[in-house]
N, C-alpha and C. Protein backbone atom coordinates (compact mmCIF):
# COMPACT_ATOMS: atom_id res chain seq x y z
N MET A 1 193.48 -64.49 -200.95
CA MET A 1 193.16 -64.14 -199.63
C MET A 1 193.62 -62.70 -199.34
N GLY A 2 192.77 -61.94 -198.73
CA GLY A 2 193.08 -60.57 -198.48
C GLY A 2 194.03 -60.40 -197.25
N LEU A 3 194.66 -59.28 -197.19
CA LEU A 3 195.59 -59.01 -196.09
C LEU A 3 194.83 -59.00 -194.77
N LEU A 4 193.71 -58.43 -194.73
CA LEU A 4 192.90 -58.36 -193.47
C LEU A 4 192.59 -59.82 -192.98
N THR A 5 192.19 -60.69 -193.94
CA THR A 5 191.90 -62.04 -193.53
C THR A 5 193.13 -62.78 -193.06
N ALA A 6 194.27 -62.54 -193.66
CA ALA A 6 195.53 -63.18 -193.22
C ALA A 6 195.92 -62.70 -191.79
N ILE A 7 195.66 -61.47 -191.51
CA ILE A 7 196.01 -60.93 -190.15
C ILE A 7 195.04 -61.57 -189.16
N LYS A 8 193.77 -61.69 -189.46
CA LYS A 8 192.82 -62.34 -188.55
C LYS A 8 193.16 -63.80 -188.28
N VAL A 9 193.56 -64.51 -189.34
CA VAL A 9 193.98 -65.87 -189.17
C VAL A 9 195.22 -66.00 -188.30
N PHE A 10 196.15 -65.09 -188.53
CA PHE A 10 197.37 -65.11 -187.67
C PHE A 10 197.06 -64.95 -186.21
N PHE A 11 196.17 -63.95 -185.84
CA PHE A 11 195.90 -63.70 -184.47
C PHE A 11 195.01 -64.83 -183.87
N LYS A 12 194.16 -65.43 -184.62
CA LYS A 12 193.40 -66.60 -184.11
C LYS A 12 194.42 -67.75 -183.79
N ALA A 13 195.32 -67.97 -184.73
CA ALA A 13 196.32 -69.00 -184.47
C ALA A 13 197.24 -68.72 -183.30
N PHE A 14 197.53 -67.42 -183.13
CA PHE A 14 198.37 -66.97 -182.01
C PHE A 14 197.67 -67.25 -180.68
N LYS A 15 196.26 -66.94 -180.61
CA LYS A 15 195.53 -67.10 -179.41
C LYS A 15 195.28 -68.58 -179.10
N ASP A 16 195.09 -69.39 -180.14
CA ASP A 16 194.76 -70.79 -179.93
C ASP A 16 195.66 -71.72 -180.83
N PRO A 17 196.88 -71.89 -180.37
CA PRO A 17 197.83 -72.67 -181.20
C PRO A 17 197.42 -74.09 -181.34
N GLU A 18 196.76 -74.69 -180.36
CA GLU A 18 196.29 -76.09 -180.49
C GLU A 18 195.19 -76.23 -181.53
N GLY A 19 194.28 -75.28 -181.54
CA GLY A 19 193.20 -75.23 -182.52
C GLY A 19 193.71 -75.10 -183.94
N ALA A 20 194.71 -74.20 -184.04
CA ALA A 20 195.34 -74.00 -185.41
C ALA A 20 196.08 -75.32 -185.80
N GLN A 21 196.71 -75.98 -184.93
CA GLN A 21 197.42 -77.24 -185.19
C GLN A 21 196.41 -78.31 -185.64
N GLN A 22 195.28 -78.38 -184.96
CA GLN A 22 194.17 -79.34 -185.30
C GLN A 22 193.69 -79.04 -186.71
N PHE A 23 193.53 -77.76 -187.03
CA PHE A 23 193.01 -77.36 -188.25
C PHE A 23 194.01 -77.78 -189.38
N LEU A 24 195.28 -77.55 -189.17
CA LEU A 24 196.27 -77.87 -190.16
C LEU A 24 196.57 -79.39 -190.29
N GLU A 25 196.43 -80.09 -189.18
CA GLU A 25 196.63 -81.53 -189.22
C GLU A 25 195.49 -82.25 -188.55
N PRO A 26 194.39 -82.51 -189.31
CA PRO A 26 193.22 -83.12 -188.68
C PRO A 26 193.50 -84.48 -188.10
N SER A 27 192.79 -84.77 -187.01
CA SER A 27 192.90 -86.05 -186.35
C SER A 27 192.38 -87.20 -187.22
N LYS A 28 192.73 -88.42 -186.86
CA LYS A 28 192.20 -89.57 -187.58
C LYS A 28 190.72 -89.62 -187.49
N GLU A 29 190.15 -89.21 -186.34
CA GLU A 29 188.69 -89.21 -186.08
C GLU A 29 188.10 -88.27 -187.18
N THR A 30 188.65 -87.09 -187.33
CA THR A 30 188.08 -86.08 -188.29
C THR A 30 188.22 -86.58 -189.68
N LEU A 31 189.35 -87.28 -190.01
CA LEU A 31 189.53 -87.81 -191.31
C LEU A 31 188.54 -88.90 -191.69
N LYS A 32 188.20 -89.74 -190.65
CA LYS A 32 187.18 -90.77 -190.82
C LYS A 32 185.77 -90.21 -191.16
N GLN A 33 185.48 -88.99 -190.61
CA GLN A 33 184.21 -88.38 -190.85
C GLN A 33 184.07 -87.75 -192.23
N LEU A 34 185.24 -87.54 -192.86
CA LEU A 34 185.11 -86.85 -194.18
C LEU A 34 184.70 -87.92 -195.23
N PRO A 35 183.90 -87.52 -196.23
CA PRO A 35 183.51 -88.48 -197.20
C PRO A 35 184.76 -88.92 -197.99
N ALA A 36 184.79 -90.20 -198.38
CA ALA A 36 185.93 -90.76 -199.20
C ALA A 36 185.96 -90.07 -200.51
N ALA A 37 187.12 -89.85 -201.01
CA ALA A 37 187.29 -89.26 -202.36
C ALA A 37 186.72 -90.28 -203.35
N ALA A 38 185.95 -89.85 -204.27
CA ALA A 38 185.35 -90.68 -205.30
C ALA A 38 186.43 -91.15 -206.21
N GLU A 39 186.36 -92.50 -206.55
CA GLU A 39 187.30 -93.00 -207.55
C GLU A 39 187.01 -92.35 -208.87
N SER A 40 188.02 -92.16 -209.64
CA SER A 40 187.81 -91.60 -210.99
C SER A 40 187.04 -92.63 -211.78
N ASP A 41 186.21 -92.12 -212.65
CA ASP A 41 185.40 -93.02 -213.52
C ASP A 41 186.17 -93.21 -214.87
N PRO A 42 186.62 -94.45 -215.07
CA PRO A 42 187.43 -94.68 -216.26
C PRO A 42 186.64 -95.06 -217.47
N SER A 43 185.30 -94.76 -217.43
CA SER A 43 184.42 -95.19 -218.58
C SER A 43 184.86 -94.61 -219.93
N HIS A 44 185.41 -93.40 -219.89
CA HIS A 44 185.88 -92.79 -221.15
C HIS A 44 187.04 -93.65 -221.78
N LEU A 45 187.84 -94.16 -220.88
CA LEU A 45 188.96 -95.02 -221.36
C LEU A 45 188.40 -96.38 -221.88
N ARG A 46 187.40 -96.87 -221.20
CA ARG A 46 186.72 -98.15 -221.64
C ARG A 46 186.13 -97.93 -223.00
N LEU A 47 185.50 -96.80 -223.28
CA LEU A 47 184.90 -96.48 -224.55
C LEU A 47 185.99 -96.43 -225.66
N LEU A 48 187.06 -95.73 -225.34
CA LEU A 48 188.21 -95.68 -226.31
C LEU A 48 188.70 -97.07 -226.62
N SER A 49 188.82 -97.94 -225.54
CA SER A 49 189.29 -99.30 -225.77
C SER A 49 188.37 -100.06 -226.67
N ILE A 50 187.08 -99.89 -226.43
CA ILE A 50 186.09 -100.63 -227.30
C ILE A 50 186.17 -100.14 -228.74
N LEU A 51 186.25 -98.79 -228.93
CA LEU A 51 186.43 -98.30 -230.31
C LEU A 51 187.73 -98.73 -230.95
N GLN A 52 188.74 -98.93 -230.15
CA GLN A 52 189.98 -99.47 -230.70
C GLN A 52 189.79 -100.91 -231.11
N ARG A 53 189.14 -101.68 -230.27
CA ARG A 53 189.03 -103.07 -230.51
C ARG A 53 188.08 -103.37 -231.73
N THR A 54 187.00 -102.57 -231.87
CA THR A 54 186.07 -102.78 -232.96
C THR A 54 186.36 -102.05 -234.27
N GLY A 55 187.02 -100.89 -234.13
CA GLY A 55 187.24 -100.09 -235.36
C GLY A 55 188.69 -99.64 -235.51
N ARG A 56 189.57 -100.02 -234.56
CA ARG A 56 190.98 -99.58 -234.60
C ARG A 56 191.12 -98.08 -234.69
N LEU A 57 190.16 -97.40 -234.04
CA LEU A 57 190.17 -95.92 -234.01
C LEU A 57 191.47 -95.33 -233.52
N VAL A 58 191.92 -95.79 -232.34
CA VAL A 58 193.13 -95.17 -231.77
C VAL A 58 194.33 -95.41 -232.70
N ASP A 59 194.47 -96.58 -233.36
CA ASP A 59 195.49 -96.86 -234.28
C ASP A 59 195.48 -95.81 -235.40
N PHE A 60 194.30 -95.59 -235.89
CA PHE A 60 194.16 -94.60 -237.00
C PHE A 60 194.51 -93.19 -236.59
N LEU A 61 194.01 -92.73 -235.45
CA LEU A 61 194.23 -91.40 -234.97
C LEU A 61 195.73 -91.17 -234.60
N GLN A 62 196.43 -92.19 -234.10
CA GLN A 62 197.80 -92.04 -233.72
C GLN A 62 198.74 -92.24 -234.93
N GLU A 63 198.22 -92.66 -236.04
CA GLU A 63 199.07 -92.92 -237.22
C GLU A 63 199.34 -91.61 -237.93
N ASP A 64 200.60 -91.46 -238.42
CA ASP A 64 200.96 -90.28 -239.26
C ASP A 64 200.45 -90.55 -240.67
N ILE A 65 199.35 -90.00 -241.04
CA ILE A 65 198.77 -90.26 -242.39
C ILE A 65 199.28 -89.35 -243.48
N SER A 66 200.21 -88.51 -243.14
CA SER A 66 200.74 -87.50 -244.12
C SER A 66 201.44 -88.23 -245.24
N THR A 67 201.98 -89.45 -245.03
CA THR A 67 202.75 -90.18 -246.11
C THR A 67 201.80 -90.98 -247.02
N PHE A 68 200.54 -91.11 -246.68
CA PHE A 68 199.59 -91.86 -247.49
C PHE A 68 198.88 -90.96 -248.49
N ASP A 69 198.49 -91.46 -249.59
CA ASP A 69 197.71 -90.64 -250.57
C ASP A 69 196.23 -90.65 -250.13
N ASP A 70 195.45 -89.74 -250.69
CA ASP A 70 194.07 -89.60 -250.27
C ASP A 70 193.22 -90.87 -250.45
N ALA A 71 193.48 -91.64 -251.49
CA ALA A 71 192.78 -92.86 -251.77
C ALA A 71 193.03 -93.87 -250.67
N GLN A 72 194.21 -94.02 -250.22
CA GLN A 72 194.54 -94.89 -249.14
C GLN A 72 193.92 -94.49 -247.83
N VAL A 73 193.95 -93.23 -247.54
CA VAL A 73 193.31 -92.75 -246.31
C VAL A 73 191.79 -92.93 -246.37
N GLY A 74 191.24 -92.56 -247.53
CA GLY A 74 189.77 -92.77 -247.73
C GLY A 74 189.32 -94.20 -247.55
N ALA A 75 190.08 -95.14 -248.09
CA ALA A 75 189.71 -96.57 -247.91
C ALA A 75 189.75 -96.96 -246.49
N ALA A 76 190.76 -96.54 -245.71
CA ALA A 76 190.89 -96.87 -244.31
C ALA A 76 189.81 -96.22 -243.48
N VAL A 77 189.52 -94.95 -243.79
CA VAL A 77 188.49 -94.24 -243.00
C VAL A 77 187.14 -94.86 -243.16
N ARG A 78 186.77 -95.34 -244.35
CA ARG A 78 185.47 -95.92 -244.65
C ARG A 78 185.21 -97.06 -243.68
N LYS A 79 186.16 -97.97 -243.53
CA LYS A 79 186.04 -99.14 -242.67
C LYS A 79 186.01 -98.70 -241.18
N ILE A 80 186.86 -97.85 -240.80
CA ILE A 80 186.95 -97.34 -239.43
C ILE A 80 185.56 -96.64 -239.05
N HIS A 81 185.12 -95.79 -239.95
CA HIS A 81 183.83 -95.08 -239.79
C HIS A 81 182.74 -96.10 -239.56
N GLU A 82 182.63 -97.10 -240.47
CA GLU A 82 181.54 -98.09 -240.37
C GLU A 82 181.56 -98.86 -239.08
N ASP A 83 182.75 -99.31 -238.67
CA ASP A 83 182.85 -100.11 -237.43
C ASP A 83 182.60 -99.26 -236.19
N CYS A 84 183.20 -98.06 -236.12
CA CYS A 84 183.00 -97.19 -234.95
C CYS A 84 181.55 -96.72 -234.85
N GLN A 85 180.96 -96.40 -235.99
CA GLN A 85 179.55 -95.98 -236.01
C GLN A 85 178.65 -97.05 -235.43
N LYS A 86 178.80 -98.31 -235.87
CA LYS A 86 178.00 -99.40 -235.36
C LYS A 86 178.23 -99.58 -233.86
N THR A 87 179.46 -99.52 -233.41
CA THR A 87 179.77 -99.60 -231.96
C THR A 87 179.07 -98.53 -231.14
N LEU A 88 179.14 -97.27 -231.63
CA LEU A 88 178.53 -96.15 -230.91
C LEU A 88 176.99 -96.36 -230.91
N GLU A 89 176.41 -96.84 -231.94
CA GLU A 89 174.97 -97.08 -231.98
C GLU A 89 174.60 -98.12 -230.94
N ASP A 90 175.36 -99.19 -230.91
CA ASP A 90 175.13 -100.29 -229.97
C ASP A 90 175.25 -99.83 -228.49
N LEU A 91 176.24 -99.02 -228.25
CA LEU A 91 176.52 -98.63 -226.81
C LEU A 91 175.79 -97.41 -226.39
N VAL A 92 175.59 -96.42 -227.27
CA VAL A 92 175.16 -95.05 -226.80
C VAL A 92 173.89 -94.62 -227.55
N ALA A 93 173.66 -95.03 -228.74
CA ALA A 93 172.49 -94.63 -229.52
C ALA A 93 172.39 -93.06 -229.58
N ILE A 94 173.35 -92.51 -230.32
CA ILE A 94 173.44 -91.02 -230.43
C ILE A 94 172.36 -90.52 -231.37
N ARG A 95 171.64 -89.50 -230.97
CA ARG A 95 170.60 -88.86 -231.80
C ARG A 95 170.76 -87.35 -231.76
N PRO A 96 170.26 -86.67 -232.79
CA PRO A 96 170.35 -85.19 -232.78
C PRO A 96 169.51 -84.61 -231.65
N LEU A 97 170.05 -83.48 -231.09
CA LEU A 97 169.25 -82.79 -230.08
C LEU A 97 168.07 -82.06 -230.69
N MET A 98 168.31 -81.47 -231.87
CA MET A 98 167.23 -80.74 -232.51
C MET A 98 166.93 -81.39 -233.82
N GLU A 99 165.59 -81.53 -234.13
CA GLU A 99 165.26 -82.27 -235.33
C GLU A 99 165.27 -81.42 -236.62
N GLU A 100 165.26 -80.10 -236.47
CA GLU A 100 165.35 -79.25 -237.65
C GLU A 100 166.65 -79.46 -238.39
N ASN A 101 166.66 -79.15 -239.69
CA ASN A 101 167.82 -79.25 -240.46
C ASN A 101 168.77 -78.06 -240.23
N GLU A 102 170.07 -78.24 -240.34
CA GLU A 102 171.03 -77.15 -240.17
C GLU A 102 170.69 -76.15 -241.27
N GLY A 103 170.72 -74.84 -240.86
CA GLY A 103 170.34 -73.73 -241.79
C GLY A 103 168.91 -73.30 -241.60
N ALA A 104 168.11 -74.09 -240.87
CA ALA A 104 166.72 -73.75 -240.65
C ALA A 104 166.62 -72.67 -239.52
N LYS A 105 165.53 -71.86 -239.65
CA LYS A 105 165.26 -70.88 -238.55
C LYS A 105 164.58 -71.57 -237.42
N VAL A 106 165.09 -71.34 -236.21
CA VAL A 106 164.55 -71.97 -234.99
C VAL A 106 164.28 -70.95 -233.90
N GLN A 107 163.32 -71.35 -233.03
CA GLN A 107 162.97 -70.49 -231.87
C GLN A 107 163.56 -71.12 -230.64
N ILE A 108 164.18 -70.28 -229.80
CA ILE A 108 164.76 -70.76 -228.50
C ILE A 108 163.88 -70.14 -227.41
N PRO A 109 163.12 -70.95 -226.68
CA PRO A 109 162.21 -70.43 -225.72
C PRO A 109 162.93 -69.94 -224.42
N ALA A 110 162.22 -69.22 -223.60
CA ALA A 110 162.72 -68.85 -222.24
C ALA A 110 162.77 -70.21 -221.44
N GLY A 111 163.80 -70.33 -220.65
CA GLY A 111 163.99 -71.52 -219.80
C GLY A 111 164.71 -72.62 -220.57
N TYR A 112 165.30 -72.32 -221.75
CA TYR A 112 166.03 -73.34 -222.46
C TYR A 112 167.17 -73.87 -221.66
N ASP A 113 167.65 -75.06 -221.95
CA ASP A 113 168.78 -75.68 -221.25
C ASP A 113 170.14 -75.29 -221.95
N PRO A 114 170.93 -74.42 -221.26
CA PRO A 114 172.18 -73.96 -221.88
C PRO A 114 173.19 -75.09 -222.09
N SER A 115 173.03 -76.21 -221.41
CA SER A 115 173.92 -77.34 -221.73
C SER A 115 173.49 -78.04 -223.01
N ALA A 116 172.29 -77.84 -223.49
CA ALA A 116 171.86 -78.47 -224.70
C ALA A 116 171.80 -77.51 -225.89
N ILE A 117 171.78 -76.24 -225.65
CA ILE A 117 171.75 -75.24 -226.70
C ILE A 117 172.77 -74.17 -226.40
N LYS A 118 173.70 -74.00 -227.36
CA LYS A 118 174.80 -73.00 -227.18
C LYS A 118 174.39 -71.83 -228.16
N LEU A 119 174.17 -70.66 -227.57
CA LEU A 119 173.83 -69.47 -228.38
C LEU A 119 175.07 -68.75 -228.76
N VAL A 120 175.18 -68.41 -230.03
CA VAL A 120 176.34 -67.66 -230.49
C VAL A 120 175.85 -66.51 -231.33
N GLY A 121 176.72 -65.52 -231.60
CA GLY A 121 176.36 -64.43 -232.48
C GLY A 121 176.02 -63.15 -231.63
N ASN A 122 175.14 -62.35 -232.16
CA ASN A 122 174.76 -61.11 -231.50
C ASN A 122 173.66 -61.38 -230.52
N LEU A 123 174.05 -61.70 -229.29
CA LEU A 123 173.10 -62.09 -228.27
C LEU A 123 172.82 -60.91 -227.38
N GLN A 124 171.55 -60.38 -227.46
CA GLN A 124 171.12 -59.24 -226.69
C GLN A 124 169.72 -59.59 -226.19
N GLY A 125 169.38 -59.07 -224.98
CA GLY A 125 168.08 -59.25 -224.40
C GLY A 125 167.95 -60.59 -223.74
N THR A 126 166.65 -60.94 -223.55
CA THR A 126 166.29 -62.19 -222.89
C THR A 126 165.48 -63.11 -223.83
N PRO A 127 165.45 -64.40 -223.56
CA PRO A 127 164.70 -65.29 -224.43
C PRO A 127 163.15 -64.94 -224.39
N PRO A 128 162.46 -65.26 -225.40
CA PRO A 128 162.76 -66.15 -226.47
C PRO A 128 163.66 -65.50 -227.52
N PHE A 129 164.51 -66.32 -228.17
CA PHE A 129 165.36 -65.93 -229.26
C PHE A 129 164.97 -66.58 -230.50
N SER A 130 165.30 -66.07 -231.62
CA SER A 130 165.20 -66.75 -232.91
C SER A 130 166.57 -66.69 -233.58
N GLY A 131 166.90 -67.73 -234.31
CA GLY A 131 168.18 -67.72 -235.00
C GLY A 131 168.27 -68.88 -236.03
N ILE A 132 169.44 -69.05 -236.63
CA ILE A 132 169.66 -70.07 -237.59
C ILE A 132 170.39 -71.21 -236.98
N LEU A 133 169.89 -72.43 -237.13
CA LEU A 133 170.54 -73.62 -236.59
C LEU A 133 171.80 -73.94 -237.31
N ILE A 134 172.94 -73.81 -236.62
CA ILE A 134 174.25 -74.07 -237.18
C ILE A 134 174.64 -75.54 -237.04
N HIS A 135 174.36 -76.15 -235.85
CA HIS A 135 174.64 -77.55 -235.63
C HIS A 135 173.53 -78.10 -234.77
N ARG A 136 173.03 -79.28 -235.12
CA ARG A 136 171.88 -79.83 -234.41
C ARG A 136 172.16 -80.38 -233.03
N GLY A 137 173.51 -80.60 -232.75
CA GLY A 137 173.81 -81.15 -231.49
C GLY A 137 173.59 -82.69 -231.37
N TRP A 138 174.19 -83.28 -230.36
CA TRP A 138 174.01 -84.73 -230.19
C TRP A 138 173.68 -85.04 -228.77
N LYS A 139 172.95 -86.11 -228.58
CA LYS A 139 172.49 -86.56 -227.26
C LYS A 139 172.58 -88.10 -227.22
N ALA A 140 173.08 -88.59 -226.12
CA ALA A 140 173.14 -90.05 -225.92
C ALA A 140 171.76 -90.51 -225.40
N HIS A 141 171.14 -91.47 -226.13
CA HIS A 141 169.84 -91.97 -225.75
C HIS A 141 169.89 -93.24 -224.95
N LYS A 142 171.04 -93.88 -224.92
CA LYS A 142 171.21 -95.04 -224.05
C LYS A 142 172.65 -95.05 -223.63
N LYS A 143 172.89 -95.65 -222.48
CA LYS A 143 174.26 -95.65 -221.92
C LYS A 143 174.52 -97.10 -221.48
N SER A 144 175.00 -97.93 -222.40
CA SER A 144 175.19 -99.33 -222.12
C SER A 144 176.63 -99.73 -222.19
N LEU A 145 177.50 -98.91 -221.68
CA LEU A 145 178.92 -99.24 -221.69
C LEU A 145 179.15 -100.35 -220.76
N PRO A 146 179.75 -101.43 -221.13
CA PRO A 146 179.97 -102.53 -220.25
C PRO A 146 180.88 -102.18 -219.05
N LYS A 147 180.55 -102.80 -217.94
CA LYS A 147 181.36 -102.56 -216.69
C LYS A 147 182.69 -103.29 -216.87
N LYS A 148 183.66 -102.76 -216.25
CA LYS A 148 184.99 -103.37 -216.25
C LYS A 148 184.94 -104.61 -215.35
N THR A 149 185.35 -105.77 -215.88
CA THR A 149 185.26 -106.99 -215.07
C THR A 149 186.68 -107.54 -214.71
N ASP A 150 187.73 -107.09 -215.39
CA ASP A 150 189.02 -107.64 -215.08
C ASP A 150 189.80 -106.66 -214.23
N LYS A 151 190.91 -107.03 -213.78
CA LYS A 151 191.72 -106.14 -212.87
C LYS A 151 192.90 -105.51 -213.61
N HIS A 152 192.83 -105.44 -214.88
CA HIS A 152 193.93 -104.83 -215.62
C HIS A 152 193.82 -103.37 -215.58
N LEU A 153 194.89 -102.69 -215.95
CA LEU A 153 194.92 -101.22 -215.84
C LEU A 153 193.96 -100.57 -216.84
N ASP A 154 193.19 -99.61 -216.34
CA ASP A 154 192.26 -98.86 -217.21
C ASP A 154 192.97 -98.14 -218.27
N GLU A 155 194.23 -97.72 -218.02
CA GLU A 155 194.96 -96.93 -219.00
C GLU A 155 195.39 -97.70 -220.23
N VAL A 156 195.33 -99.02 -220.16
CA VAL A 156 195.73 -99.84 -221.33
C VAL A 156 194.53 -99.89 -222.25
N LEU A 157 194.54 -99.16 -223.33
CA LEU A 157 193.41 -99.15 -224.27
C LEU A 157 193.44 -100.33 -225.20
N CYS A 158 194.65 -100.73 -225.54
CA CYS A 158 194.89 -101.89 -226.39
C CYS A 158 196.19 -102.50 -226.01
N PRO A 159 196.22 -103.75 -225.70
CA PRO A 159 197.51 -104.36 -225.31
C PRO A 159 198.45 -104.44 -226.51
N ALA A 160 199.72 -104.42 -226.24
CA ALA A 160 200.74 -104.67 -227.29
C ALA A 160 200.64 -106.08 -227.70
N GLU A 161 200.82 -106.35 -228.96
CA GLU A 161 200.74 -107.76 -229.44
C GLU A 161 202.13 -108.20 -229.84
N VAL A 162 202.53 -109.37 -229.32
CA VAL A 162 203.84 -109.94 -229.57
C VAL A 162 203.63 -111.37 -230.15
N GLU A 163 204.15 -111.60 -231.29
CA GLU A 163 204.04 -112.96 -231.86
C GLU A 163 205.30 -113.74 -231.42
N ILE A 164 204.99 -114.90 -230.86
CA ILE A 164 206.06 -115.76 -230.41
C ILE A 164 206.27 -116.87 -231.38
N SER A 165 207.52 -117.11 -231.80
CA SER A 165 207.80 -118.23 -232.70
C SER A 165 208.46 -119.31 -231.88
N ASN A 166 208.49 -120.51 -232.44
CA ASN A 166 209.11 -121.64 -231.77
C ASN A 166 210.65 -121.61 -231.84
N LYS A 167 211.18 -120.71 -232.68
CA LYS A 167 212.65 -120.55 -232.87
C LYS A 167 213.22 -119.83 -231.63
N ASN A 168 214.39 -120.16 -231.21
CA ASN A 168 215.01 -119.45 -230.13
C ASN A 168 215.88 -118.33 -230.60
C-alpha cells in the first residue's frame, strides 16, 4: 500500500469512525451475505489412498530403499507399477496430449492452449511456432474417482494395522 493511500484511509477513518469500525468488524448481516468458503477438495488424498490400497505406492515412496540392492528394488517396482497403472487406467484413463513421438518436429498454432503446451527454448515472436517435441504431455480422459462415503479423516491415506492376539 502506498503512503498516499494510507493517509487517505486514515482521514476517512478519522471523519467516519463508525464506518471504519463496520469495515474492520463486519456485522453478522454482512457476514451472512458473503459466500461461504468452499470446502477443500480432498480428492487428491482419496487418489493417494486408492493407490496405496491397490499398489502400496505410499509405502514404497516412504521406504528408504538405499539399503536394498537394485534387483530387490526392481522386483518391488514392477508389481507397484503394474498395480498403480491399472488403477490409474480404471479411474482416470490417462492419454498423451500430443500423438507425435518425442523427438518429432511439431507445429504450434496461434491460439494454442498454454496449459496444454509448455514452450521452452529460444522463444521469439508470435505463433505459429515449430519445434521438437520433448514430452508428449498427459491428459485425463475420464474422472471417476469414487466419492468419499465414510466420515473418517481424509488425511488418513492408509490406516495403521495392529494384529491382536488372544494372549494378554
